[in-house]
């Protein structure tokens, strides 16, 4: 991750992201490594877009279809993520495929 800290001379960071990261680093007294770790944790989060949900599919069907087809997750990984049995995920996915 590229960003600069503000030194004693109060140099301005080169862009908005650098400025924000420098501000966070100073305000919360974090090291660059700690900020990088927080960013990596955030990148691992999976967000389901609301646009995948519609009247044709149930919620689990829509989520299973999106996670399998768009994010290329395995049925096992989807099951862990949604706290369901992988057989339930497989069934929901197959039903969703038939409906679309």
PDB file of N, CA and C in Angstrom:
ATOM      1  N   UNK A   1       0.852  -1.164   0.000  1.00  0.00           N
ATOM      2  CA  UNK A   1       0.000   0.000   0.000  1.00  0.00           C
ATOM      3  C   UNK A   1       0.894   1.222   0.000  1.00  0.00           C
ATOM      4  N   UNK A   2       0.650   2.123  -0.904  1.00  0.00           N
ATOM      5  CA  UNK A   2       1.437   3.338  -0.990  1.00  0.00           C
ATOM      6  C   UNK A   2       0.748   4.459  -0.235  1.00  0.00           C
ATOM      7  N   UNK A   3       1.432   5.008   0.731  1.00  0.00           N
ATOM      8  CA  UNK A   3       0.981   6.212   1.393  1.00  0.00           C
ATOM      9  C   UNK A   3       2.122   6.752   2.221  1.00  0.00           C
ATOM     10  N   UNK A   4       2.051   8.002   2.489  1.00  0.00           N
ATOM     11  CA  UNK A   4       3.119   8.671   3.215  1.00  0.00           C
ATOM     12  C   UNK A   4       2.603   9.142   4.557  1.00  0.00           C
ATOM     13  N   UNK A   5       3.532   9.237   5.486  1.00  0.00           N
ATOM     14  CA  UNK A   5       3.163   9.854   6.747  1.00  0.00           C
ATOM     15  C   UNK A   5       3.568  11.321   6.676  1.00  0.00           C
ATOM     16  N   UNK A   6       2.922  12.124   7.454  1.00  0.00           N
ATOM     17  CA  UNK A   6       3.300  13.528   7.519  1.00  0.00           C
ATOM     18  C   UNK A   6       4.490  13.641   8.458  1.00  0.00           C
ATOM     19  N   UNK A   7       5.558  14.231   7.972  1.00  0.00           N
ATOM     20  CA  UNK A   7       6.725  14.362   8.832  1.00  0.00           C
ATOM     21  C   UNK A   7       6.672  15.688   9.600  1.00  0.00           C
ATOM     22  N   UNK A   8       7.748  15.997  10.271  1.00  0.00           N
ATOM     23  CA  UNK A   8       7.791  17.195  11.104  1.00  0.00           C
ATOM     24  C   UNK A   8       7.602  18.477  10.294  1.00  0.00           C
ATOM     25  N   UNK A   9       7.963  18.464   9.045  1.00  0.00           N
ATOM     26  CA  UNK A   9       7.824  19.642   8.189  1.00  0.00           C
ATOM     27  C   UNK A   9       6.401  19.822   7.702  1.00  0.00           C
ATOM     28  N   UNK A  10       5.534  18.861   7.980  1.00  0.00           N
ATOM     29  CA  UNK A  10       4.126  18.910   7.556  1.00  0.00           C
ATOM     30  C   UNK A  10       3.986  18.950   6.040  1.00  0.00           C
ATOM     31  N   UNK A  11       4.741  18.087   5.376  1.00  0.00           N
ATOM     32  CA  UNK A  11       4.593  17.994   3.927  1.00  0.00           C
ATOM     33  C   UNK A  11       3.214  17.442   3.605  1.00  0.00           C
ATOM     34  N   UNK A  12       2.646  17.869   2.500  1.00  0.00           N
ATOM     35  CA  UNK A  12       1.334  17.393   2.096  1.00  0.00           C
ATOM     36  C   UNK A  12       1.479  16.091   1.313  1.00  0.00           C
ATOM     37  N   UNK A  13       0.652  15.104   1.619  1.00  0.00           N
ATOM     38  CA  UNK A  13       0.674  13.869   0.829  1.00  0.00           C
ATOM     39  C   UNK A  13       0.269  14.161  -0.612  1.00  0.00           C
ATOM     40  N   UNK A  14       0.641  13.259  -1.506  1.00  0.00           N
ATOM     41  CA  UNK A  14       0.461  13.505  -2.935  1.00  0.00           C
ATOM     42  C   UNK A  14      -0.977  13.419  -3.423  1.00  0.00           C
ATOM     43  N   UNK A  15      -1.835  12.665  -2.764  1.00  0.00           N
ATOM     44  CA  UNK A  15      -3.219  12.574  -3.229  1.00  0.00           C
ATOM     45  C   UNK A  15      -4.182  12.393  -2.057  1.00  0.00           C
ATOM     46  N   UNK A  16      -5.459  12.323  -2.370  1.00  0.00           N
ATOM     47  CA  UNK A  16      -6.484  12.247  -1.328  1.00  0.00           C
ATOM     48  C   UNK A  16      -6.365  10.990  -0.468  1.00  0.00           C
ATOM     49  N   UNK A  17      -6.096   9.855  -1.097  1.00  0.00           N
ATOM     50  CA  UNK A  17      -5.969   8.607  -0.336  1.00  0.00           C
ATOM     51  C   UNK A  17      -4.809   8.708   0.643  1.00  0.00           C
ATOM     52  N   UNK A  18      -3.696   9.203   0.161  1.00  0.00           N
ATOM     53  CA  UNK A  18      -2.538   9.377   1.041  1.00  0.00           C
ATOM     54  C   UNK A  18      -2.869  10.305   2.202  1.00  0.00           C
ATOM     55  N   UNK A  19      -3.591  11.354   1.917  1.00  0.00           N
ATOM     56  CA  UNK A  19      -3.966  12.326   2.940  1.00  0.00           C
ATOM     57  C   UNK A  19      -4.878  11.671   3.991  1.00  0.00           C
ATOM     58  N   UNK A  20      -5.833  10.896   3.538  1.00  0.00           N
ATOM     59  CA  UNK A  20      -6.754  10.216   4.457  1.00  0.00           C
ATOM     60  C   UNK A  20      -6.004   9.208   5.312  1.00  0.00           C
ATOM     61  N   UNK A  21      -5.171   8.390   4.684  1.00  0.00           N
ATOM     62  CA  UNK A  21      -4.422   7.380   5.431  1.00  0.00           C
ATOM     63  C   UNK A  21      -3.461   8.015   6.426  1.00  0.00           C
ATOM     64  N   UNK A  22      -2.841   9.093   6.046  1.00  0.00           N
ATOM     65  CA  UNK A  22      -1.938   9.797   6.962  1.00  0.00           C
ATOM     66  C   UNK A  22      -2.704  10.359   8.154  1.00  0.00           C
ATOM     67  N   UNK A  23      -3.874  10.886   7.885  1.00  0.00           N
ATOM     68  CA  UNK A  23      -4.708  11.429   8.961  1.00  0.00           C
ATOM     69  C   UNK A  23      -5.123  10.329   9.933  1.00  0.00           C
ATOM     70  N   UNK A  24      -5.547   9.190   9.395  1.00  0.00           N
ATOM     71  CA  UNK A  24      -5.935   8.054  10.233  1.00  0.00           C
ATOM     72  C   UNK A  24      -4.742   7.574  11.051  1.00  0.00           C
ATOM     73  N   UNK A  25      -3.602   7.494  10.402  1.00  0.00           N
ATOM     74  CA  UNK A  25      -2.399   7.019  11.069  1.00  0.00           C
ATOM     75  C   UNK A  25      -2.050   7.910  12.253  1.00  0.00           C
ATOM     76  N   UNK A  26      -2.148   9.208  12.070  1.00  0.00           N
ATOM     77  CA  UNK A  26      -1.830  10.139  13.159  1.00  0.00           C
ATOM     78  C   UNK A  26      -2.899  10.136  14.242  1.00  0.00           C
ATOM     79  N   UNK A  27      -4.151  10.163  13.846  1.00  0.00           N
ATOM     80  CA  UNK A  27      -5.249  10.260  14.812  1.00  0.00           C
ATOM     81  C   UNK A  27      -5.296   9.046  15.733  1.00  0.00           C
ATOM     82  N   UNK A  28      -5.134   7.862  15.167  1.00  0.00           N
ATOM     83  CA  UNK A  28      -5.265   6.631  15.947  1.00  0.00           C
ATOM     84  C   UNK A  28      -3.925   6.004  16.328  1.00  0.00           C
ATOM     85  N   UNK A  29      -2.851   6.702  16.035  1.00  0.00           N
ATOM     86  CA  UNK A  29      -1.501   6.268  16.364  1.00  0.00           C
ATOM     87  C   UNK A  29      -1.270   4.826  15.900  1.00  0.00           C
ATOM     88  N   UNK A  30      -1.415   4.630  14.588  1.00  0.00           N
ATOM     89  CA  UNK A  30      -1.232   3.322  13.979  1.00  0.00           C
ATOM     90  C   UNK A  30       0.035   3.303  13.140  1.00  0.00           C
ATOM     91  N   UNK A  31       0.624   2.127  13.037  1.00  0.00           N
ATOM     92  CA  UNK A  31       1.765   1.965  12.134  1.00  0.00           C
ATOM     93  C   UNK A  31       1.239   1.677  10.729  1.00  0.00           C
ATOM     94  N   UNK A  32       2.101   1.794   9.757  1.00  0.00           N
ATOM     95  CA  UNK A  32       1.710   1.467   8.382  1.00  0.00           C
ATOM     96  C   UNK A  32       1.267   0.014   8.276  1.00  0.00           C
ATOM     97  N   UNK A  33       1.938  -0.856   9.009  1.00  0.00           N
ATOM     98  CA  UNK A  33       1.612  -2.274   8.978  1.00  0.00           C
ATOM     99  C   UNK A  33       0.212  -2.531   9.543  1.00  0.00           C
ATOM    100  N   UNK A  34      -0.145  -1.812  10.607  1.00  0.00           N
ATOM    101  CA  UNK A  34      -1.471  -1.974  11.195  1.00  0.00           C
ATOM    102  C   UNK A  34      -2.563  -1.499  10.240  1.00  0.00           C
ATOM    103  N   UNK A  35      -2.302  -0.412   9.549  1.00  0.00           N
ATOM    104  CA  UNK A  35      -3.268   0.099   8.564  1.00  0.00           C
ATOM    105  C   UNK A  35      -3.394  -0.889   7.406  1.00  0.00           C
ATOM    106  N   UNK A  36      -2.281  -1.415   6.940  1.00  0.00           N
ATOM    107  CA  UNK A  36      -2.309  -2.407   5.861  1.00  0.00           C
ATOM    108  C   UNK A  36      -3.124  -3.634   6.266  1.00  0.00           C
ATOM    109  N   UNK A  37      -2.963  -4.081   7.506  1.00  0.00           N
ATOM    110  CA  UNK A  37      -3.695  -5.246   7.999  1.00  0.00           C
ATOM    111  C   UNK A  37      -5.195  -4.971   8.052  1.00  0.00           C
ATOM    112  N   UNK A  38      -5.573  -3.788   8.479  1.00  0.00           N
ATOM    113  CA  UNK A  38      -6.993  -3.416   8.506  1.00  0.00           C
ATOM    114  C   UNK A  38      -7.580  -3.379   7.097  1.00  0.00           C
ATOM    115  N   UNK A  39      -6.822  -2.883   6.161  1.00  0.00           N
ATOM    116  CA  UNK A  39      -7.285  -2.821   4.764  1.00  0.00           C
ATOM    117  C   UNK A  39      -7.430  -4.228   4.203  1.00  0.00           C
ATOM    118  N   UNK A  40      -6.490  -5.108   4.508  1.00  0.00           N
ATOM    119  CA  UNK A  40      -6.570  -6.491   4.028  1.00  0.00           C
ATOM    120  C   UNK A  40      -7.799  -7.192   4.591  1.00  0.00           C
ATOM    121  N   UNK A  41      -8.111  -6.959   5.862  1.00  0.00           N
ATOM    122  CA  UNK A  41      -9.301  -7.564   6.459  1.00  0.00           C
ATOM    123  C   UNK A  41     -10.551  -7.080   5.753  1.00  0.00           C
ATOM    124  N   UNK A  42     -10.592  -5.804   5.423  1.00  0.00           N
ATOM    125  CA  UNK A  42     -11.760  -5.223   4.745  1.00  0.00           C
ATOM    126  C   UNK A  42     -11.910  -5.795   3.342  1.00  0.00           C
ATOM    127  N   UNK A  43     -10.803  -6.041   2.660  1.00  0.00           N
ATOM    128  CA  UNK A  43     -10.850  -6.585   1.304  1.00  0.00           C
ATOM    129  C   UNK A  43     -11.407  -8.004   1.282  1.00  0.00           C
ATOM    130  N   UNK A  44     -11.299  -8.724   2.395  1.00  0.00           N
ATOM    131  CA  UNK A  44     -11.785 -10.098   2.457  1.00  0.00           C
ATOM    132  C   UNK A  44     -13.291 -10.180   2.655  1.00  0.00           C
ATOM    133  N   UNK A  45     -13.906  -9.066   3.021  1.00  0.00           N
ATOM    134  CA  UNK A  45     -15.346  -9.069   3.235  1.00  0.00           C
ATOM    135  C   UNK A  45     -16.078  -9.265   1.916  1.00  0.00           C
ATOM    136  N   UNK A  46     -17.173  -9.988   1.970  1.00  0.00           N
ATOM    137  CA  UNK A  46     -17.991 -10.223   0.782  1.00  0.00           C
ATOM    138  C   UNK A  46     -19.281  -9.448   0.954  1.00  0.00           C
ATOM    139  N   UNK A  47     -19.580  -8.643  -0.015  1.00  0.00           N
ATOM    140  CA  UNK A  47     -20.788  -7.832   0.021  1.00  0.00           C
ATOM    141  C   UNK A  47     -21.715  -8.283  -1.091  1.00  0.00           C
ATOM    142  N   UNK A  48     -22.949  -8.596  -0.722  1.00  0.00           N
ATOM    143  CA  UNK A  48     -23.945  -8.993  -1.717  1.00  0.00           C
ATOM    144  C   UNK A  48     -24.687  -7.748  -2.195  1.00  0.00           C
ATOM    145  N   UNK A  49     -24.645  -7.483  -3.490  1.00  0.00           N
ATOM    146  CA  UNK A  49     -25.387  -6.312  -3.989  1.00  0.00           C
ATOM    147  C   UNK A  49     -26.887  -6.543  -3.900  1.00  0.00           C
ATOM    148  N   UNK A  50     -27.609  -5.527  -3.548  1.00  0.00           N
ATOM    149  CA  UNK A  50     -29.060  -5.647  -3.394  1.00  0.00           C
ATOM    150  C   UNK A  50     -29.729  -5.997  -4.716  1.00  0.00           C
ATOM    151  N   UNK A  51     -29.087  -5.678  -5.816  1.00  0.00           N
ATOM    152  CA  UNK A  51     -29.662  -5.927  -7.142  1.00  0.00           C
ATOM    153  C   UNK A  51     -29.832  -7.419  -7.459  1.00  0.00           C
ATOM    154  N   UNK A  52     -29.178  -8.304  -6.708  1.00  0.00           N
ATOM    155  CA  UNK A  52     -29.323  -9.742  -6.987  1.00  0.00           C
ATOM    156  C   UNK A  52     -30.644 -10.294  -6.472  1.00  0.00           C
ATOM    157  N   UNK A  53     -31.280  -9.579  -5.572  1.00  0.00           N
ATOM    158  CA  UNK A  53     -32.528 -10.049  -4.986  1.00  0.00           C
ATOM    159  C   UNK A  53     -33.710  -9.570  -5.816  1.00  0.00           C
ATOM    160  N   UNK A  54     -34.599 -10.496  -6.121  1.00  0.00           N
ATOM    161  CA  UNK A  54     -35.784 -10.165  -6.914  1.00  0.00           C
ATOM    162  C   UNK A  54     -36.937 -11.086  -6.522  1.00  0.00           C
ATOM    163  N   UNK A  55     -38.057 -10.915  -7.179  1.00  0.00           N
ATOM    164  CA  UNK A  55     -39.248 -11.695  -6.844  1.00  0.00           C
ATOM    165  C   UNK A  55     -39.182 -13.127  -7.375  1.00  0.00           C
ATOM    166  N   UNK A  56     -38.342 -13.370  -8.359  1.00  0.00           N
ATOM    167  CA  UNK A  56     -38.246 -14.711  -8.947  1.00  0.00           C
ATOM    168  C   UNK A  56     -37.527 -15.698  -8.045  1.00  0.00           C
ATOM    169  N   UNK A  57     -36.512 -15.229  -7.348  1.00  0.00           N
ATOM    170  CA  UNK A  57     -35.667 -16.109  -6.546  1.00  0.00           C
ATOM    171  C   UNK A  57     -35.847 -15.853  -5.055  1.00  0.00           C
ATOM    172  N   UNK A  58     -35.721 -16.927  -4.280  1.00  0.00           N
ATOM    173  CA  UNK A  58     -35.674 -16.769  -2.833  1.00  0.00           C
ATOM    174  C   UNK A  58     -34.341 -16.149  -2.445  1.00  0.00           C
ATOM    175  N   UNK A  59     -34.239 -15.697  -1.229  1.00  0.00           N
ATOM    176  CA  UNK A  59     -33.017 -15.025  -0.784  1.00  0.00           C
ATOM    177  C   UNK A  59     -31.800 -15.949  -0.824  1.00  0.00           C
ATOM    178  N   UNK A  60     -31.955 -17.174  -0.357  1.00  0.00           N
ATOM    179  CA  UNK A  60     -30.844 -18.121  -0.369  1.00  0.00           C
ATOM    180  C   UNK A  60     -30.479 -18.512  -1.799  1.00  0.00           C
ATOM    181  N   UNK A  61     -31.461 -18.635  -2.650  1.00  0.00           N
ATOM    182  CA  UNK A  61     -31.204 -18.949  -4.063  1.00  0.00           C
ATOM    183  C   UNK A  61     -30.402 -17.822  -4.706  1.00  0.00           C
ATOM    184  N   UNK A  62     -30.823 -16.594  -4.483  1.00  0.00           N
ATOM    185  CA  UNK A  62     -30.134 -15.448  -5.076  1.00  0.00           C
ATOM    186  C   UNK A  62     -28.702 -15.337  -4.557  1.00  0.00           C
ATOM    187  N   UNK A  63     -28.542 -15.504  -3.260  1.00  0.00           N
ATOM    188  CA  UNK A  63     -27.207 -15.416  -2.671  1.00  0.00           C
ATOM    189  C   UNK A  63     -26.314 -16.546  -3.186  1.00  0.00           C
ATOM    190  N   UNK A  64     -26.834 -17.753  -3.230  1.00  0.00           N
ATOM    191  CA  UNK A  64     -26.060 -18.904  -3.712  1.00  0.00           C
ATOM    192  C   UNK A  64     -25.637 -18.712  -5.169  1.00  0.00           C
ATOM    193  N   UNK A  65     -26.575 -18.264  -5.979  1.00  0.00           N
ATOM    194  CA  UNK A  65     -26.298 -18.042  -7.399  1.00  0.00           C
ATOM    195  C   UNK A  65     -25.214 -16.986  -7.592  1.00  0.00           C
ATOM    196  N   UNK A  66     -25.328 -15.887  -6.885  1.00  0.00           N
ATOM    197  CA  UNK A  66     -24.341 -14.802  -6.997  1.00  0.00           C
ATOM    198  C   UNK A  66     -22.957 -15.258  -6.523  1.00  0.00           C
ATOM    199  N   UNK A  67     -22.909 -15.873  -5.356  1.00  0.00           N
ATOM    200  CA  UNK A  67     -21.623 -16.281  -4.793  1.00  0.00           C
ATOM    201  C   UNK A  67     -20.936 -17.346  -5.638  1.00  0.00           C
ATOM    202  N   UNK A  68     -21.719 -18.228  -6.234  1.00  0.00           N
ATOM    203  CA  UNK A  68     -21.149 -19.292  -7.072  1.00  0.00           C
ATOM    204  C   UNK A  68     -20.740 -18.765  -8.449  1.00  0.00           C
ATOM    205  N   UNK A  69     -21.653 -18.065  -9.110  1.00  0.00           N
ATOM    206  CA  UNK A  69     -21.394 -17.644 -10.489  1.00  0.00           C
ATOM    207  C   UNK A  69     -20.514 -16.396 -10.609  1.00  0.00           C
ATOM    208  N   UNK A  70     -20.711 -15.447  -9.727  1.00  0.00           N
ATOM    209  CA  UNK A  70     -19.973 -14.185  -9.843  1.00  0.00           C
ATOM    210  C   UNK A  70     -18.653 -14.185  -9.073  1.00  0.00           C
ATOM    211  N   UNK A  71     -18.636 -14.803  -7.904  1.00  0.00           N
ATOM    212  CA  UNK A  71     -17.423 -14.803  -7.086  1.00  0.00           C
ATOM    213  C   UNK A  71     -16.660 -16.117  -7.131  1.00  0.00           C
ATOM    214  N   UNK A  72     -17.223 -17.094  -7.875  1.00  0.00           N
ATOM    215  CA  UNK A  72     -16.567 -18.397  -8.071  1.00  0.00           C
ATOM    216  C   UNK A  72     -16.224 -19.117  -6.768  1.00  0.00           C
ATOM    217  N   UNK A  73     -17.099 -18.998  -5.784  1.00  0.00           N
ATOM    218  CA  UNK A  73     -16.885 -19.719  -4.529  1.00  0.00           C
ATOM    219  C   UNK A  73     -17.417 -21.141  -4.667  1.00  0.00           C
ATOM    220  N   UNK A  74     -16.839 -22.045  -3.907  1.00  0.00           N
ATOM    221  CA  UNK A  74     -17.307 -23.434  -3.909  1.00  0.00           C
ATOM    222  C   UNK A  74     -18.567 -23.522  -3.039  1.00  0.00           C
ATOM    223  N   UNK A  75     -19.320 -24.598  -3.216  1.00  0.00           N
ATOM    224  CA  UNK A  75     -20.503 -24.809  -2.389  1.00  0.00           C
ATOM    225  C   UNK A  75     -20.113 -24.897  -0.909  1.00  0.00           C
ATOM    226  N   UNK A  76     -18.980 -25.505  -0.658  1.00  0.00           N
ATOM    227  CA  UNK A  76     -18.494 -25.633   0.721  1.00  0.00           C
ATOM    228  C   UNK A  76     -18.201 -24.255   1.324  1.00  0.00           C
ATOM    229  N   UNK A  77     -17.534 -23.392   0.556  1.00  0.00           N
ATOM    230  CA  UNK A  77     -17.219 -22.046   1.042  1.00  0.00           C
ATOM    231  C   UNK A  77     -18.483 -21.208   1.252  1.00  0.00           C
ATOM    232  N   UNK A  78     -19.421 -21.342   0.338  1.00  0.00           N
ATOM    233  CA  UNK A  78     -20.695 -20.617   0.463  1.00  0.00           C
ATOM    234  C   UNK A  78     -21.438 -21.098   1.705  1.00  0.00           C
ATOM    235  N   UNK A  79     -21.436 -22.392   1.935  1.00  0.00           N
ATOM    236  CA  UNK A  79     -22.108 -22.960   3.100  1.00  0.00           C
ATOM    237  C   UNK A  79     -21.514 -22.418   4.402  1.00  0.00           C
ATOM    238  N   UNK A  80     -20.196 -22.339   4.469  1.00  0.00           N
ATOM    239  CA  UNK A  80     -19.542 -21.780   5.655  1.00  0.00           C
ATOM    240  C   UNK A  80     -19.922 -20.314   5.840  1.00  0.00           C
ATOM    241  N   UNK A  81     -19.885 -19.596   4.748  1.00  0.00           N
ATOM    242  CA  UNK A  81     -20.181 -18.162   4.791  1.00  0.00           C
ATOM    243  C   UNK A  81     -21.607 -17.878   5.258  1.00  0.00           C
ATOM    244  N   UNK A  82     -22.550 -18.694   4.793  1.00  0.00           N
ATOM    245  CA  UNK A  82     -23.965 -18.476   5.109  1.00  0.00           C
ATOM    246  C   UNK A  82     -24.467 -19.332   6.273  1.00  0.00           C
ATOM    247  N   UNK A  83     -23.557 -20.093   6.863  1.00  0.00           N
ATOM    248  CA  UNK A  83     -23.893 -20.953   7.997  1.00  0.00           C
ATOM    249  C   UNK A  83     -25.028 -21.926   7.646  1.00  0.00           C
ATOM    250  N   UNK A  84     -24.858 -22.595   6.520  1.00  0.00           N
ATOM    251  CA  UNK A  84     -25.820 -23.591   6.043  1.00  0.00           C
ATOM    252  C   UNK A  84     -25.066 -24.858   5.656  1.00  0.00           C
ATOM    253  N   UNK A  85     -25.784 -25.950   5.530  1.00  0.00           N
ATOM    254  CA  UNK A  85     -25.213 -27.196   5.045  1.00  0.00           C
ATOM    255  C   UNK A  85     -24.913 -27.037   3.553  1.00  0.00           C
ATOM    256  N   UNK A  86     -23.822 -27.617   3.089  1.00  0.00           N
ATOM    257  CA  UNK A  86     -23.465 -27.445   1.679  1.00  0.00           C
ATOM    258  C   UNK A  86     -24.503 -28.064   0.745  1.00  0.00           C
ATOM    259  N   UNK A  87     -25.209 -29.092   1.211  1.00  0.00           N
ATOM    260  CA  UNK A  87     -26.260 -29.704   0.387  1.00  0.00           C
ATOM    261  C   UNK A  87     -27.421 -28.731   0.175  1.00  0.00           C
ATOM    262  N   UNK A  88     -27.703 -27.940   1.193  1.00  0.00           N
ATOM    263  CA  UNK A  88     -28.752 -26.920   1.086  1.00  0.00           C
ATOM    264  C   UNK A  88     -28.347 -25.854   0.071  1.00  0.00           C
ATOM    265  N   UNK A  89     -27.084 -25.483   0.095  1.00  0.00           N
ATOM    266  CA  UNK A  89     -26.575 -24.479  -0.853  1.00  0.00           C
ATOM    267  C   UNK A  89     -26.641 -25.034  -2.274  1.00  0.00           C
ATOM    268  N   UNK A  90     -26.227 -26.276  -2.443  1.00  0.00           N
ATOM    269  CA  UNK A  90     -26.255 -26.907  -3.762  1.00  0.00           C
ATOM    270  C   UNK A  90     -27.689 -26.945  -4.299  1.00  0.00           C
ATOM    271  N   UNK A  91     -28.631 -27.326  -3.450  1.00  0.00           N
ATOM    272  CA  UNK A  91     -30.043 -27.396  -3.852  1.00  0.00           C
ATOM    273  C   UNK A  91     -30.569 -26.008  -4.225  1.00  0.00           C
ATOM    274  N   UNK A  92     -30.264 -25.020  -3.417  1.00  0.00           N
ATOM    275  CA  UNK A  92     -30.708 -23.646  -3.697  1.00  0.00           C
ATOM    276  C   UNK A  92     -30.122 -23.135  -5.009  1.00  0.00           C
ATOM    277  N   UNK A  93     -28.855 -23.442  -5.225  1.00  0.00           N
ATOM    278  CA  UNK A  93     -28.198 -23.013  -6.456  1.00  0.00           C
ATOM    279  C   UNK A  93     -28.856 -23.648  -7.674  1.00  0.00           C
ATOM    280  N   UNK A  94     -29.106 -24.962  -7.613  1.00  0.00           N
ATOM    281  CA  UNK A  94     -29.718 -25.675  -8.736  1.00  0.00           C
ATOM    282  C   UNK A  94     -31.119 -25.141  -9.027  1.00  0.00           C
ATOM    283  N   UNK A  95     -31.893 -24.853  -7.986  1.00  0.00           N
ATOM    284  CA  UNK A  95     -33.235 -24.288  -8.179  1.00  0.00           C
ATOM    285  C   UNK A  95     -33.152 -22.900  -8.830  1.00  0.00           C
ATOM    286  N   UNK A  96     -32.180 -22.117  -8.374  1.00  0.00           N
ATOM    287  CA  UNK A  96     -32.014 -20.772  -8.943  1.00  0.00           C
ATOM    288  C   UNK A  96     -31.624 -20.845 -10.414  1.00  0.00           C
ATOM    289  N   UNK A  97     -30.766 -21.790 -10.760  1.00  0.00           N
ATOM    290  CA  UNK A  97     -30.351 -21.948 -12.159  1.00  0.00           C
ATOM    291  C   UNK A  97     -31.536 -22.309 -13.046  1.00  0.00           C
ATOM    292  N   UNK A  98     -32.419 -23.142 -12.541  1.00  0.00           N
ATOM    293  CA  UNK A  98     -33.615 -23.534 -13.307  1.00  0.00           C
ATOM    294  C   UNK A  98     -34.546 -22.341 -13.526  1.00  0.00           C
ATOM    295  N   UNK A  99     -34.629 -21.476 -12.531  1.00  0.00           N
ATOM    296  CA  UNK A  99     -35.534 -20.326 -12.612  1.00  0.00           C
ATOM    297  C   UNK A  99     -35.004 -19.202 -13.507  1.00  0.00           C
ATOM    298  N   UNK A 100     -33.696 -19.165 -13.707  1.00  0.00           N
ATOM    299  CA  UNK A 100     -33.114 -18.075 -14.523  1.00  0.00           C
ATOM    300  C   UNK A 100     -32.824 -18.506 -15.928  1.00  0.00           C
TER     301      UNK A 100
END
